[in-house]
Amino acid sequence: MKLIVGLGNPGERYQKSRHNVGFILLDKFAADNNLNWRKVERFNSEVADYSNGLLIKPQTFMNNSGMLFLNLLISIKYPLMT
């Protein structure tokens, strides 16, 4: 399973700014592939399923995305490289 995480900042203020390039790229990929976003409250993220894995848009500010992403990896038992 592949996880593709697009970082950005939530809210209209950042919607089309350079801070949201990760969100913008994932939205384009999702639209091109007819994927639908769903909210996953447990991870405070928007997630879209695709054939090879998940697209993930954390709904935290970029500076706070690390812990959220680590908790996601641990909860799905994603194999971490050492």
N, C-alpha and C. Protein backbone atom coordinates (compact mmCIF):
# COMPACT_ATOMS: atom_id res chain seq x y z
N MET A 1 0.84 -1.17 0.00
CA MET A 1 0.00 0.00 0.00
C MET A 1 0.89 1.24 0.00
N LYS A 2 0.56 2.18 -0.85
CA LYS A 2 1.27 3.45 -0.90
C LYS A 2 0.43 4.52 -0.22
N LEU A 3 1.10 5.37 0.52
CA LEU A 3 0.45 6.52 1.15
C LEU A 3 1.06 7.77 0.53
N ILE A 4 0.21 8.61 -0.05
CA ILE A 4 0.67 9.87 -0.60
C ILE A 4 0.04 10.98 0.22
N VAL A 5 0.89 11.73 0.92
CA VAL A 5 0.42 12.77 1.81
C VAL A 5 0.74 14.13 1.19
N GLY A 6 -0.29 14.94 1.01
CA GLY A 6 -0.11 16.29 0.51
C GLY A 6 -0.24 17.26 1.67
N LEU A 7 0.83 17.97 1.95
CA LEU A 7 0.79 18.91 3.07
C LEU A 7 0.22 20.24 2.64
N GLY A 8 -0.41 20.89 3.57
CA GLY A 8 -1.00 22.20 3.33
C GLY A 8 -1.51 22.77 4.64
N ASN A 9 -2.17 23.88 4.54
CA ASN A 9 -2.79 24.51 5.70
C ASN A 9 -4.29 24.60 5.46
N PRO A 10 -5.09 24.27 6.47
CA PRO A 10 -6.54 24.33 6.29
C PRO A 10 -7.06 25.77 6.24
N GLY A 11 -8.21 25.93 5.65
CA GLY A 11 -8.88 27.23 5.63
C GLY A 11 -8.75 27.97 4.31
N GLU A 12 -9.71 28.86 4.09
CA GLU A 12 -9.76 29.61 2.83
C GLU A 12 -8.55 30.51 2.64
N ARG A 13 -8.02 31.02 3.73
CA ARG A 13 -6.88 31.95 3.64
C ARG A 13 -5.71 31.36 2.84
N TYR A 14 -5.49 30.06 2.97
CA TYR A 14 -4.35 29.41 2.34
C TYR A 14 -4.72 28.64 1.08
N GLN A 15 -5.99 28.60 0.73
CA GLN A 15 -6.50 27.70 -0.30
C GLN A 15 -5.69 27.71 -1.60
N LYS A 16 -5.33 28.85 -2.10
CA LYS A 16 -4.60 28.92 -3.37
C LYS A 16 -3.20 29.49 -3.20
N SER A 17 -2.64 29.30 -2.02
CA SER A 17 -1.31 29.84 -1.76
C SER A 17 -0.24 28.77 -1.94
N ARG A 18 1.01 29.18 -1.94
CA ARG A 18 2.12 28.24 -2.07
C ARG A 18 2.16 27.27 -0.90
N HIS A 19 1.54 27.64 0.20
CA HIS A 19 1.50 26.77 1.37
C HIS A 19 0.66 25.52 1.12
N ASN A 20 -0.16 25.54 0.10
CA ASN A 20 -1.06 24.42 -0.16
C ASN A 20 -0.75 23.66 -1.44
N VAL A 21 0.48 23.71 -1.89
CA VAL A 21 0.83 23.00 -3.13
C VAL A 21 0.52 21.51 -3.00
N GLY A 22 0.77 20.92 -1.83
CA GLY A 22 0.47 19.50 -1.63
C GLY A 22 -1.00 19.20 -1.78
N PHE A 23 -1.86 20.03 -1.21
CA PHE A 23 -3.31 19.86 -1.34
C PHE A 23 -3.73 20.02 -2.80
N ILE A 24 -3.19 21.04 -3.46
CA ILE A 24 -3.57 21.33 -4.84
C ILE A 24 -3.21 20.17 -5.76
N LEU A 25 -2.01 19.60 -5.59
CA LEU A 25 -1.59 18.47 -6.43
C LEU A 25 -2.46 17.24 -6.19
N LEU A 26 -2.76 16.96 -4.92
CA LEU A 26 -3.62 15.80 -4.64
C LEU A 26 -5.04 16.01 -5.15
N ASP A 27 -5.56 17.23 -5.04
CA ASP A 27 -6.89 17.51 -5.58
C ASP A 27 -6.93 17.28 -7.09
N LYS A 28 -5.88 17.70 -7.79
CA LYS A 28 -5.80 17.51 -9.24
C LYS A 28 -5.74 16.02 -9.58
N PHE A 29 -4.90 15.26 -8.88
CA PHE A 29 -4.78 13.82 -9.09
C PHE A 29 -6.12 13.14 -8.84
N ALA A 30 -6.78 13.51 -7.74
CA ALA A 30 -8.07 12.91 -7.39
C ALA A 30 -9.12 13.23 -8.46
N ALA A 31 -9.16 14.47 -8.93
CA ALA A 31 -10.13 14.86 -9.96
C ALA A 31 -9.86 14.11 -11.26
N ASP A 32 -8.61 14.01 -11.65
CA ASP A 32 -8.25 13.31 -12.90
C ASP A 32 -8.59 11.83 -12.85
N ASN A 33 -8.65 11.27 -11.66
CA ASN A 33 -8.91 9.83 -11.50
C ASN A 33 -10.28 9.54 -10.89
N ASN A 34 -11.15 10.54 -10.86
CA ASN A 34 -12.51 10.39 -10.33
C ASN A 34 -12.54 9.81 -8.91
N LEU A 35 -11.66 10.31 -8.07
CA LEU A 35 -11.61 9.87 -6.68
C LEU A 35 -12.39 10.84 -5.81
N ASN A 36 -12.97 10.32 -4.75
CA ASN A 36 -13.76 11.14 -3.83
C ASN A 36 -13.07 11.24 -2.48
N TRP A 37 -13.08 12.45 -1.93
CA TRP A 37 -12.51 12.69 -0.61
C TRP A 37 -13.54 12.37 0.46
N ARG A 38 -13.07 11.83 1.59
CA ARG A 38 -13.92 11.60 2.75
C ARG A 38 -13.14 12.06 3.98
N LYS A 39 -13.88 12.56 4.95
CA LYS A 39 -13.23 13.01 6.18
C LYS A 39 -13.03 11.81 7.09
N VAL A 40 -11.85 11.73 7.66
CA VAL A 40 -11.54 10.71 8.66
C VAL A 40 -11.18 11.47 9.93
N GLU A 41 -12.17 11.60 10.80
CA GLU A 41 -12.03 12.41 12.02
C GLU A 41 -10.90 11.89 12.91
N ARG A 42 -10.75 10.57 12.96
CA ARG A 42 -9.73 9.96 13.82
C ARG A 42 -8.34 10.52 13.52
N PHE A 43 -8.09 10.83 12.25
CA PHE A 43 -6.79 11.35 11.86
C PHE A 43 -6.84 12.82 11.43
N ASN A 44 -7.97 13.45 11.65
CA ASN A 44 -8.15 14.85 11.28
C ASN A 44 -7.63 15.09 9.86
N SER A 45 -8.09 14.26 8.93
CA SER A 45 -7.60 14.29 7.55
C SER A 45 -8.73 14.04 6.57
N GLU A 46 -8.48 14.45 5.34
CA GLU A 46 -9.32 14.04 4.22
C GLU A 46 -8.56 12.94 3.50
N VAL A 47 -9.27 11.88 3.13
CA VAL A 47 -8.65 10.71 2.54
C VAL A 47 -9.41 10.30 1.29
N ALA A 48 -8.66 9.88 0.26
CA ALA A 48 -9.26 9.33 -0.95
C ALA A 48 -8.57 8.00 -1.23
N ASP A 49 -9.36 6.97 -1.50
CA ASP A 49 -8.83 5.65 -1.85
C ASP A 49 -8.50 5.62 -3.33
N TYR A 50 -7.36 5.02 -3.66
CA TYR A 50 -7.06 4.77 -5.06
C TYR A 50 -6.49 3.36 -5.16
N SER A 51 -6.30 2.86 -6.35
CA SER A 51 -5.98 1.44 -6.53
C SER A 51 -4.72 1.00 -5.80
N ASN A 52 -3.74 1.86 -5.63
CA ASN A 52 -2.49 1.47 -5.01
C ASN A 52 -2.35 1.92 -3.56
N GLY A 53 -3.35 2.59 -3.01
CA GLY A 53 -3.23 3.04 -1.64
C GLY A 53 -4.16 4.18 -1.28
N LEU A 54 -3.63 5.16 -0.56
CA LEU A 54 -4.44 6.27 -0.05
C LEU A 54 -3.79 7.61 -0.37
N LEU A 55 -4.62 8.58 -0.68
CA LEU A 55 -4.20 9.97 -0.74
C LEU A 55 -4.66 10.59 0.57
N ILE A 56 -3.82 11.39 1.19
CA ILE A 56 -4.14 11.93 2.51
C ILE A 56 -3.82 13.42 2.55
N LYS A 57 -4.81 14.20 3.01
CA LYS A 57 -4.62 15.64 3.22
C LYS A 57 -4.89 15.93 4.69
N PRO A 58 -3.82 15.99 5.52
CA PRO A 58 -4.02 16.31 6.93
C PRO A 58 -4.64 17.70 7.08
N GLN A 59 -5.63 17.82 7.94
CA GLN A 59 -6.29 19.10 8.16
C GLN A 59 -5.73 19.80 9.39
N THR A 60 -4.40 19.74 9.49
CA THR A 60 -3.67 20.47 10.51
C THR A 60 -2.73 21.42 9.77
N PHE A 61 -2.20 22.39 10.46
CA PHE A 61 -1.21 23.24 9.82
C PHE A 61 0.06 22.42 9.58
N MET A 62 0.78 22.78 8.52
CA MET A 62 1.96 22.02 8.12
C MET A 62 2.89 21.70 9.28
N ASN A 63 3.13 22.66 10.12
CA ASN A 63 4.05 22.46 11.24
C ASN A 63 3.59 21.39 12.21
N ASN A 64 2.31 21.05 12.18
CA ASN A 64 1.77 20.05 13.11
C ASN A 64 1.45 18.72 12.43
N SER A 65 1.84 18.54 11.21
CA SER A 65 1.47 17.34 10.46
C SER A 65 2.28 16.11 10.84
N GLY A 66 3.48 16.29 11.35
CA GLY A 66 4.36 15.16 11.64
C GLY A 66 3.77 14.15 12.60
N MET A 67 3.28 14.61 13.74
CA MET A 67 2.72 13.69 14.73
C MET A 67 1.46 13.02 14.22
N LEU A 68 0.64 13.77 13.50
CA LEU A 68 -0.58 13.20 12.95
C LEU A 68 -0.22 12.06 11.98
N PHE A 69 0.77 12.31 11.13
CA PHE A 69 1.17 11.30 10.16
C PHE A 69 1.79 10.08 10.85
N LEU A 70 2.61 10.29 11.86
CA LEU A 70 3.20 9.18 12.60
C LEU A 70 2.10 8.32 13.24
N ASN A 71 1.11 8.95 13.84
CA ASN A 71 -0.01 8.20 14.45
C ASN A 71 -0.77 7.41 13.41
N LEU A 72 -0.93 7.96 12.21
CA LEU A 72 -1.59 7.24 11.13
C LEU A 72 -0.78 6.00 10.76
N LEU A 73 0.52 6.15 10.58
CA LEU A 73 1.38 5.02 10.21
C LEU A 73 1.34 3.92 11.26
N ILE A 74 1.39 4.31 12.51
CA ILE A 74 1.35 3.33 13.60
C ILE A 74 0.01 2.61 13.62
N SER A 75 -1.08 3.33 13.46
CA SER A 75 -2.41 2.72 13.57
C SER A 75 -2.71 1.74 12.44
N ILE A 76 -2.16 1.99 11.24
CA ILE A 76 -2.40 1.05 10.14
C ILE A 76 -1.27 0.03 10.01
N LYS A 77 -0.32 0.10 10.97
CA LYS A 77 0.81 -0.83 11.00
C LYS A 77 1.60 -0.82 9.71
N TYR A 78 1.82 0.40 9.21
CA TYR A 78 2.59 0.59 7.97
C TYR A 78 4.05 0.29 8.28
N PRO A 79 4.69 -0.54 7.45
CA PRO A 79 6.10 -0.89 7.73
C PRO A 79 7.01 0.32 7.55
N LEU A 80 7.68 0.68 8.63
CA LEU A 80 8.60 1.82 8.59
C LEU A 80 9.98 1.33 8.18
N MET A 81 10.64 2.12 7.35
CA MET A 81 12.01 1.77 6.95
C MET A 81 12.96 2.15 8.08
N THR A 82 13.98 1.35 8.29
CA THR A 82 14.96 1.65 9.34
C THR A 82 16.30 1.95 8.73
